[in-house]
Amino acid sequence: MIAIPGKTKATTISGIIADEMAIGMVNQKTTAVRLIPVIGKDVGDVAQFGGLLGYAPIMPVNEYDCSSFVNRKGRIPAPIHSFKN
């Protein structure tokens, strides 16, 4: 679970998720990513979630634009284990 600044663009978040899905496909493993954009917080701040959820520091995110990649609307297939011998 990673807390990121609330000002992070949706295309940047989509690019991070697509990277994680590609890693899972290449390694033939099921992976997951939990990104939490925290509104009103910036890098170095701490987000308090309360109760058993605890807290998380706001992590820096690469600010390069990946909208051209995300807007291609490609598809990353899930890892399929049944094709292996």
PDB file of N, CA and C in Angstrom:
ATOM      1  N   MET A   1       0.857  -1.159   0.000  1.00  0.00           N
ATOM      2  CA  MET A   1       0.000   0.000   0.000  1.00  0.00           C
ATOM      3  C   MET A   1       0.906   1.225   0.000  1.00  0.00           C
ATOM      4  N   ILE A   2       0.791   2.039  -1.043  1.00  0.00           N
ATOM      5  CA  ILE A   2       1.664   3.197  -1.197  1.00  0.00           C
ATOM      6  C   ILE A   2       0.806   4.449  -1.294  1.00  0.00           C
ATOM      7  N   ALA A   3       1.082   5.410  -0.443  1.00  0.00           N
ATOM      8  CA  ALA A   3       0.386   6.695  -0.493  1.00  0.00           C
ATOM      9  C   ALA A   3       1.174   7.629  -1.403  1.00  0.00           C
ATOM     10  N   ILE A   4       0.471   8.257  -2.342  1.00  0.00           N
ATOM     11  CA  ILE A   4       1.103   9.166  -3.288  1.00  0.00           C
ATOM     12  C   ILE A   4       0.400  10.520  -3.201  1.00  0.00           C
ATOM     13  N   PRO A   5       1.044  11.585  -3.701  1.00  0.00           N
ATOM     14  CA  PRO A   5       0.411  12.910  -3.628  1.00  0.00           C
ATOM     15  C   PRO A   5      -0.924  12.938  -4.355  1.00  0.00           C
ATOM     16  N   GLY A   6      -1.864  13.694  -3.838  1.00  0.00           N
ATOM     17  CA  GLY A   6      -3.189  13.789  -4.430  1.00  0.00           C
ATOM     18  C   GLY A   6      -3.198  14.488  -5.774  1.00  0.00           C
ATOM     19  N   LYS A   7      -2.161  15.258  -6.068  1.00  0.00           N
ATOM     20  CA  LYS A   7      -2.095  15.983  -7.341  1.00  0.00           C
ATOM     21  C   LYS A   7      -1.584  15.117  -8.491  1.00  0.00           C
ATOM     22  N   THR A   8      -1.306  13.851  -8.242  1.00  0.00           N
ATOM     23  CA  THR A   8      -0.800  12.949  -9.274  1.00  0.00           C
ATOM     24  C   THR A   8      -1.858  12.731 -10.343  1.00  0.00           C
ATOM     25  N   LYS A   9      -1.455  12.843 -11.620  1.00  0.00           N
ATOM     26  CA  LYS A   9      -2.394  12.699 -12.727  1.00  0.00           C
ATOM     27  C   LYS A   9      -2.877  11.253 -12.842  1.00  0.00           C
ATOM     28  N   ALA A  10      -4.096  11.098 -13.345  1.00  0.00           N
ATOM     29  CA  ALA A  10      -4.671   9.766 -13.527  1.00  0.00           C
ATOM     30  C   ALA A  10      -3.861   8.942 -14.521  1.00  0.00           C
ATOM     31  N   THR A  11      -3.298   9.589 -15.538  1.00  0.00           N
ATOM     32  CA  THR A  11      -2.496   8.846 -16.514  1.00  0.00           C
ATOM     33  C   THR A  11      -1.208   8.324 -15.894  1.00  0.00           C
ATOM     34  N   THR A  12      -0.640   9.053 -14.940  1.00  0.00           N
ATOM     35  CA  THR A  12       0.559   8.586 -14.245  1.00  0.00           C
ATOM     36  C   THR A  12       0.228   7.379 -13.382  1.00  0.00           C
ATOM     37  N   ILE A  13      -0.894   7.430 -12.689  1.00  0.00           N
ATOM     38  CA  ILE A  13      -1.326   6.295 -11.869  1.00  0.00           C
ATOM     39  C   ILE A  13      -1.591   5.087 -12.761  1.00  0.00           C
ATOM     40  N   SER A  14      -2.233   5.300 -13.901  1.00  0.00           N
ATOM     41  CA  SER A  14      -2.496   4.202 -14.832  1.00  0.00           C
ATOM     42  C   SER A  14      -1.200   3.605 -15.361  1.00  0.00           C
ATOM     43  N   GLY A  15      -0.208   4.440 -15.615  1.00  0.00           N
ATOM     44  CA  GLY A  15       1.085   3.954 -16.078  1.00  0.00           C
ATOM     45  C   GLY A  15       1.787   3.096 -15.037  1.00  0.00           C
ATOM     46  N   ILE A  16       1.700   3.489 -13.773  1.00  0.00           N
ATOM     47  CA  ILE A  16       2.300   2.703 -12.689  1.00  0.00           C
ATOM     48  C   ILE A  16       1.614   1.344 -12.589  1.00  0.00           C
ATOM     49  N   ILE A  17       0.293   1.336 -12.675  1.00  0.00           N
ATOM     50  CA  ILE A  17      -0.457   0.080 -12.608  1.00  0.00           C
ATOM     51  C   ILE A  17      -0.122  -0.800 -13.811  1.00  0.00           C
ATOM     52  N   ALA A  18       0.002  -0.197 -14.999  1.00  0.00           N
ATOM     53  CA  ALA A  18       0.366  -0.969 -16.193  1.00  0.00           C
ATOM     54  C   ALA A  18       1.759  -1.565 -16.061  1.00  0.00           C
ATOM     55  N   ASP A  19       2.705  -0.826 -15.470  1.00  0.00           N
ATOM     56  CA  ASP A  19       4.050  -1.366 -15.235  1.00  0.00           C
ATOM     57  C   ASP A  19       3.983  -2.586 -14.324  1.00  0.00           C
ATOM     58  N   GLU A  20       3.201  -2.493 -13.271  1.00  0.00           N
ATOM     59  CA  GLU A  20       3.073  -3.617 -12.336  1.00  0.00           C
ATOM     60  C   GLU A  20       2.438  -4.825 -13.013  1.00  0.00           C
ATOM     61  N   MET A  21       1.447  -4.593 -13.853  1.00  0.00           N
ATOM     62  CA  MET A  21       0.810  -5.706 -14.570  1.00  0.00           C
ATOM     63  C   MET A  21       1.792  -6.357 -15.543  1.00  0.00           C
ATOM     64  N   ALA A  22       2.625  -5.561 -16.192  1.00  0.00           N
ATOM     65  CA  ALA A  22       3.613  -6.111 -17.115  1.00  0.00           C
ATOM     66  C   ALA A  22       4.647  -6.949 -16.377  1.00  0.00           C
ATOM     67  N   ILE A  23       5.046  -6.498 -15.197  1.00  0.00           N
ATOM     68  CA  ILE A  23       5.987  -7.275 -14.387  1.00  0.00           C
ATOM     69  C   ILE A  23       5.379  -8.622 -14.030  1.00  0.00           C
ATOM     70  N   GLY A  24       4.112  -8.639 -13.651  1.00  0.00           N
ATOM     71  CA  GLY A  24       3.439  -9.891 -13.324  1.00  0.00           C
ATOM     72  C   GLY A  24       3.335 -10.811 -14.518  1.00  0.00           C
ATOM     73  N   MET A  25       3.082 -10.246 -15.692  1.00  0.00           N
ATOM     74  CA  MET A  25       2.954 -11.074 -16.885  1.00  0.00           C
ATOM     75  C   MET A  25       4.303 -11.681 -17.274  1.00  0.00           C
ATOM     76  N   VAL A  26       5.367 -10.898 -17.225  1.00  0.00           N
ATOM     77  CA  VAL A  26       6.690 -11.392 -17.591  1.00  0.00           C
ATOM     78  C   VAL A  26       7.155 -12.468 -16.612  1.00  0.00           C
ATOM     79  N   ASN A  27       6.902 -12.280 -15.331  1.00  0.00           N
ATOM     80  CA  ASN A  27       7.325 -13.245 -14.313  1.00  0.00           C
ATOM     81  C   ASN A  27       6.339 -14.385 -14.124  1.00  0.00           C
ATOM     82  N   GLN A  28       5.231 -14.360 -14.851  1.00  0.00           N
ATOM     83  CA  GLN A  28       4.187 -15.376 -14.764  1.00  0.00           C
ATOM     84  C   GLN A  28       3.696 -15.557 -13.329  1.00  0.00           C
ATOM     85  N   LYS A  29       3.428 -14.426 -12.693  1.00  0.00           N
ATOM     86  CA  LYS A  29       2.920 -14.430 -11.320  1.00  0.00           C
ATOM     87  C   LYS A  29       1.773 -13.430 -11.218  1.00  0.00           C
ATOM     88  N   THR A  30       0.903 -13.678 -10.292  1.00  0.00           N
ATOM     89  CA  THR A  30      -0.161 -12.725 -10.005  1.00  0.00           C
ATOM     90  C   THR A  30       0.399 -11.669  -9.068  1.00  0.00           C
ATOM     91  N   THR A  31       0.284 -10.406  -9.457  1.00  0.00           N
ATOM     92  CA  THR A  31       0.793  -9.317  -8.639  1.00  0.00           C
ATOM     93  C   THR A  31      -0.331  -8.335  -8.343  1.00  0.00           C
ATOM     94  N   ALA A  32      -0.057  -7.419  -7.449  1.00  0.00           N
ATOM     95  CA  ALA A  32      -1.055  -6.408  -7.105  1.00  0.00           C
ATOM     96  C   ALA A  32      -0.347  -5.107  -6.780  1.00  0.00           C
ATOM     97  N   VAL A  33      -1.067  -4.024  -6.914  1.00  0.00           N
ATOM     98  CA  VAL A  33      -0.546  -2.715  -6.548  1.00  0.00           C
ATOM     99  C   VAL A  33      -1.663  -1.936  -5.859  1.00  0.00           C
ATOM    100  N   ARG A  34      -1.317  -1.287  -4.769  1.00  0.00           N
ATOM    101  CA  ARG A  34      -2.282  -0.455  -4.039  1.00  0.00           C
ATOM    102  C   ARG A  34      -1.717   0.954  -3.951  1.00  0.00           C
ATOM    103  N   LEU A  35      -2.263   1.827  -4.763  1.00  0.00           N
ATOM    104  CA  LEU A  35      -1.859   3.234  -4.759  1.00  0.00           C
ATOM    105  C   LEU A  35      -2.982   4.057  -4.157  1.00  0.00           C
ATOM    106  N   ILE A  36      -2.645   4.889  -3.199  1.00  0.00           N
ATOM    107  CA  ILE A  36      -3.648   5.718  -2.546  1.00  0.00           C
ATOM    108  C   ILE A  36      -3.286   7.182  -2.777  1.00  0.00           C
ATOM    109  N   PRO A  37      -3.974   7.861  -3.721  1.00  0.00           N
ATOM    110  CA  PRO A  37      -3.726   9.298  -3.860  1.00  0.00           C
ATOM    111  C   PRO A  37      -4.368  10.042  -2.688  1.00  0.00           C
ATOM    112  N   VAL A  38      -3.554  10.710  -1.910  1.00  0.00           N
ATOM    113  CA  VAL A  38      -4.042  11.401  -0.710  1.00  0.00           C
ATOM    114  C   VAL A  38      -4.202  12.885  -1.046  1.00  0.00           C
ATOM    115  N   ILE A  39      -5.447  13.319  -1.110  1.00  0.00           N
ATOM    116  CA  ILE A  39      -5.760  14.704  -1.464  1.00  0.00           C
ATOM    117  C   ILE A  39      -5.233  15.655  -0.383  1.00  0.00           C
ATOM    118  N   GLY A  40      -4.577  16.713  -0.823  1.00  0.00           N
ATOM    119  CA  GLY A  40      -4.088  17.727   0.105  1.00  0.00           C
ATOM    120  C   GLY A  40      -2.734  17.429   0.717  1.00  0.00           C
ATOM    121  N   LYS A  41      -2.127  16.324   0.364  1.00  0.00           N
ATOM    122  CA  LYS A  41      -0.814  15.978   0.918  1.00  0.00           C
ATOM    123  C   LYS A  41       0.224  16.002  -0.190  1.00  0.00           C
ATOM    124  N   ASP A  42       1.474  16.279   0.184  1.00  0.00           N
ATOM    125  CA  ASP A  42       2.571  16.309  -0.768  1.00  0.00           C
ATOM    126  C   ASP A  42       3.690  15.398  -0.256  1.00  0.00           C
ATOM    127  N   VAL A  43       4.707  15.223  -1.069  1.00  0.00           N
ATOM    128  CA  VAL A  43       5.809  14.319  -0.738  1.00  0.00           C
ATOM    129  C   VAL A  43       6.421  14.704   0.607  1.00  0.00           C
ATOM    130  N   GLY A  44       6.626  13.721   1.464  1.00  0.00           N
ATOM    131  CA  GLY A  44       7.204  13.946   2.782  1.00  0.00           C
ATOM    132  C   GLY A  44       6.173  14.064   3.888  1.00  0.00           C
ATOM    133  N   ASP A  45       4.936  14.364   3.554  1.00  0.00           N
ATOM    134  CA  ASP A  45       3.876  14.414   4.558  1.00  0.00           C
ATOM    135  C   ASP A  45       3.506  12.999   4.982  1.00  0.00           C
ATOM    136  N   VAL A  46       2.728  12.890   6.026  1.00  0.00           N
ATOM    137  CA  VAL A  46       2.280  11.587   6.514  1.00  0.00           C
ATOM    138  C   VAL A  46       0.756  11.566   6.485  1.00  0.00           C
ATOM    139  N   ALA A  47       0.199  10.494   5.934  1.00  0.00           N
ATOM    140  CA  ALA A  47      -1.256  10.321   5.897  1.00  0.00           C
ATOM    141  C   ALA A  47      -1.656   9.382   7.032  1.00  0.00           C
ATOM    142  N   GLN A  48      -2.537   9.850   7.900  1.00  0.00           N
ATOM    143  CA  GLN A  48      -3.054   9.042   9.004  1.00  0.00           C
ATOM    144  C   GLN A  48      -4.384   8.434   8.565  1.00  0.00           C
ATOM    145  N   PHE A  49      -4.463   7.103   8.522  1.00  0.00           N
ATOM    146  CA  PHE A  49      -5.690   6.434   8.099  1.00  0.00           C
ATOM    147  C   PHE A  49      -6.577   6.065   9.278  1.00  0.00           C
ATOM    148  N   GLY A  50      -6.037   6.074  10.474  1.00  0.00           N
ATOM    149  CA  GLY A  50      -6.826   5.818  11.668  1.00  0.00           C
ATOM    150  C   GLY A  50      -7.020   4.346  11.966  1.00  0.00           C
ATOM    151  N   GLY A  51      -7.235   4.056  13.240  1.00  0.00           N
ATOM    152  CA  GLY A  51      -7.508   2.686  13.671  1.00  0.00           C
ATOM    153  C   GLY A  51      -6.397   1.723  13.315  1.00  0.00           C
ATOM    154  N   LEU A  52      -6.781   0.546  12.867  1.00  0.00           N
ATOM    155  CA  LEU A  52      -5.812  -0.491  12.521  1.00  0.00           C
ATOM    156  C   LEU A  52      -5.118  -0.241  11.183  1.00  0.00           C
ATOM    157  N   LEU A  53      -5.607   0.731  10.415  1.00  0.00           N
ATOM    158  CA  LEU A  53      -4.998   1.007   9.114  1.00  0.00           C
ATOM    159  C   LEU A  53      -3.672   1.744   9.232  1.00  0.00           C
ATOM    160  N   GLY A  54      -3.447   2.438  10.324  1.00  0.00           N
ATOM    161  CA  GLY A  54      -2.161   3.072  10.582  1.00  0.00           C
ATOM    162  C   GLY A  54      -1.915   4.324   9.766  1.00  0.00           C
ATOM    163  N   TYR A  55      -0.667   4.474   9.317  1.00  0.00           N
ATOM    164  CA  TYR A  55      -0.259   5.671   8.595  1.00  0.00           C
ATOM    165  C   TYR A  55       0.682   5.279   7.460  1.00  0.00           C
ATOM    166  N   ALA A  56       0.917   6.221   6.558  1.00  0.00           N
ATOM    167  CA  ALA A  56       1.840   5.986   5.445  1.00  0.00           C
ATOM    168  C   ALA A  56       2.480   7.304   5.048  1.00  0.00           C
ATOM    169  N   PRO A  57       3.785   7.289   4.790  1.00  0.00           N
ATOM    170  CA  PRO A  57       4.414   8.505   4.267  1.00  0.00           C
ATOM    171  C   PRO A  57       4.038   8.686   2.796  1.00  0.00           C
ATOM    172  N   ILE A  58       3.926   9.915   2.363  1.00  0.00           N
ATOM    173  CA  ILE A  58       3.607  10.202   0.964  1.00  0.00           C
ATOM    174  C   ILE A  58       4.895  10.050   0.154  1.00  0.00           C
ATOM    175  N   MET A  59       4.861   9.125  -0.800  1.00  0.00           N
ATOM    176  CA  MET A  59       6.049   8.789  -1.589  1.00  0.00           C
ATOM    177  C   MET A  59       6.096   9.636  -2.864  1.00  0.00           C
ATOM    178  N   PRO A  60       7.313   9.950  -3.333  1.00  0.00           N
ATOM    179  CA  PRO A  60       7.410  10.701  -4.593  1.00  0.00           C
ATOM    180  C   PRO A  60       7.046   9.824  -5.787  1.00  0.00           C
ATOM    181  N   VAL A  61       6.481  10.451  -6.810  1.00  0.00           N
ATOM    182  CA  VAL A  61       6.069   9.752  -8.027  1.00  0.00           C
ATOM    183  C   VAL A  61       6.797  10.401  -9.194  1.00  0.00           C
ATOM    184  N   ASN A  62       7.228   9.577 -10.142  1.00  0.00           N
ATOM    185  CA  ASN A  62       7.874  10.089 -11.338  1.00  0.00           C
ATOM    186  C   ASN A  62       6.892  10.997 -12.081  1.00  0.00           C
ATOM    187  N   GLU A  63       7.292  12.192 -12.405  1.00  0.00           N
ATOM    188  CA  GLU A  63       6.386  13.173 -13.006  1.00  0.00           C
ATOM    189  C   GLU A  63       6.406  13.174 -14.537  1.00  0.00           C
ATOM    190  N   TYR A  64       7.118  12.223 -15.163  1.00  0.00           N
ATOM    191  CA  TYR A  64       7.116  12.166 -16.622  1.00  0.00           C
ATOM    192  C   TYR A  64       5.724  11.823 -17.126  1.00  0.00           C
ATOM    193  N   ASP A  65       5.367  12.387 -18.268  1.00  0.00           N
ATOM    194  CA  ASP A  65       4.033  12.195 -18.829  1.00  0.00           C
ATOM    195  C   ASP A  65       3.964  10.863 -19.564  1.00  0.00           C
ATOM    196  N   CYS A  66       3.025  10.017 -19.194  1.00  0.00           N
ATOM    197  CA  CYS A  66       2.842   8.730 -19.883  1.00  0.00           C
ATOM    198  C   CYS A  66       1.453   8.659 -20.515  1.00  0.00           C
ATOM    199  N   SER A  67       0.851   9.829 -20.786  1.00  0.00           N
ATOM    200  CA  SER A  67      -0.497   9.835 -21.342  1.00  0.00           C
ATOM    201  C   SER A  67      -0.549   9.239 -22.740  1.00  0.00           C
ATOM    202  N   SER A  68       0.524   9.386 -23.539  1.00  0.00           N
ATOM    203  CA  SER A  68       0.508   8.803 -24.887  1.00  0.00           C
ATOM    204  C   SER A  68       0.458   7.274 -24.806  1.00  0.00           C
ATOM    205  N   PHE A  69       1.118   6.693 -23.805  1.00  0.00           N
ATOM    206  CA  PHE A  69       1.073   5.240 -23.617  1.00  0.00           C
ATOM    207  C   PHE A  69      -0.297   4.794 -23.117  1.00  0.00           C
ATOM    208  N   VAL A  70      -0.829   5.486 -22.139  1.00  0.00           N
ATOM    209  CA  VAL A  70      -2.100   5.094 -21.535  1.00  0.00           C
ATOM    210  C   VAL A  70      -3.253   5.286 -22.522  1.00  0.00           C
ATOM    211  N   ASN A  71      -3.207   6.336 -23.321  1.00  0.00           N
ATOM    212  CA  ASN A  71      -4.288   6.618 -24.255  1.00  0.00           C
ATOM    213  C   ASN A  71      -4.315   5.675 -25.453  1.00  0.00           C
ATOM    214  N   ARG A  72      -3.304   4.821 -25.603  1.00  0.00           N
ATOM    215  CA  ARG A  72      -3.325   3.819 -26.678  1.00  0.00           C
ATOM    216  C   ARG A  72      -4.359   2.738 -26.390  1.00  0.00           C
ATOM    217  N   LYS A  73      -4.789   2.628 -25.151  1.00  0.00           N
ATOM    218  CA  LYS A  73      -5.837   1.692 -24.713  1.00  0.00           C
ATOM    219  C   LYS A  73      -5.492   0.251 -25.065  1.00  0.00           C
ATOM    220  N   GLY A  74      -4.252  -0.132 -24.753  1.00  0.00           N
ATOM    221  CA  GLY A  74      -3.830  -1.507 -24.998  1.00  0.00           C
ATOM    222  C   GLY A  74      -4.352  -2.444 -23.936  1.00  0.00           C
ATOM    223  N   ARG A  75      -4.000  -3.686 -24.068  1.00  0.00           N
ATOM    224  CA  ARG A  75      -4.469  -4.705 -23.133  1.00  0.00           C
ATOM    225  C   ARG A  75      -3.285  -5.544 -22.696  1.00  0.00           C
ATOM    226  N   ILE A  76      -3.110  -5.725 -21.396  1.00  0.00           N
ATOM    227  CA  ILE A  76      -2.066  -6.589 -20.855  1.00  0.00           C
ATOM    228  C   ILE A  76      -2.763  -7.830 -20.334  1.00  0.00           C
ATOM    229  N   PRO A  77      -2.509  -8.994 -20.944  1.00  0.00           N
ATOM    230  CA  PRO A  77      -3.211 -10.200 -20.517  1.00  0.00           C
ATOM    231  C   PRO A  77      -2.755 -10.678 -19.138  1.00  0.00           C
ATOM    232  N   ALA A  78      -3.633 -11.368 -18.462  1.00  0.00           N
ATOM    233  CA  ALA A  78      -3.302 -11.954 -17.170  1.00  0.00           C
ATOM    234  C   ALA A  78      -2.365 -13.134 -17.391  1.00  0.00           C
ATOM    235  N   PRO A  79      -1.515 -13.447 -16.404  1.00  0.00           N
ATOM    236  CA  PRO A  79      -0.641 -14.611 -16.564  1.00  0.00           C
ATOM    237  C   PRO A  79      -1.468 -15.892 -16.624  1.00  0.00           C
ATOM    238  N   ILE A  80      -1.186 -16.718 -17.619  1.00  0.00           N
ATOM    239  CA  ILE A  80      -1.926 -17.970 -17.798  1.00  0.00           C
ATOM    240  C   ILE A  80      -0.973 -19.115 -17.535  1.00  0.00           C
ATOM    241  N   HIS A  81      -1.255 -19.894 -16.518  1.00  0.00           N
ATOM    242  CA  HIS A  81      -0.363 -20.981 -16.133  1.00  0.00           C
ATOM    243  C   HIS A  81      -0.722 -22.292 -16.814  1.00  0.00           C
ATOM    244  N   SER A  82      -1.899 -22.375 -17.415  1.00  0.00           N
ATOM    245  CA  SER A  82      -2.327 -23.645 -17.997  1.00  0.00           C
ATOM    246  C   SER A  82      -1.623 -23.964 -19.317  1.00  0.00           C
ATOM    247  N   PHE A  83      -0.927 -22.995 -19.925  1.00  0.00           N
ATOM    248  CA  PHE A  83      -0.245 -23.236 -21.177  1.00  0.00           C
ATOM    249  C   PHE A  83       1.143 -23.853 -20.981  1.00  0.00           C
ATOM    250  N   LYS A  84       1.595 -23.945 -19.746  1.00  0.00           N
ATOM    251  CA  LYS A  84       2.913 -24.529 -19.470  1.00  0.00           C
ATOM    252  C   LYS A  84       2.818 -26.040 -19.373  1.00  0.00           C
ATOM    253  N   ASN A  85       3.902 -26.701 -19.694  1.00  0.00           N
ATOM    254  CA  ASN A  85       3.942 -28.173 -19.553  1.00  0.00           C
ATOM    255  C   ASN A  85       4.311 -28.587 -18.157  1.00  0.00           C
TER     256      ASN A  85
END
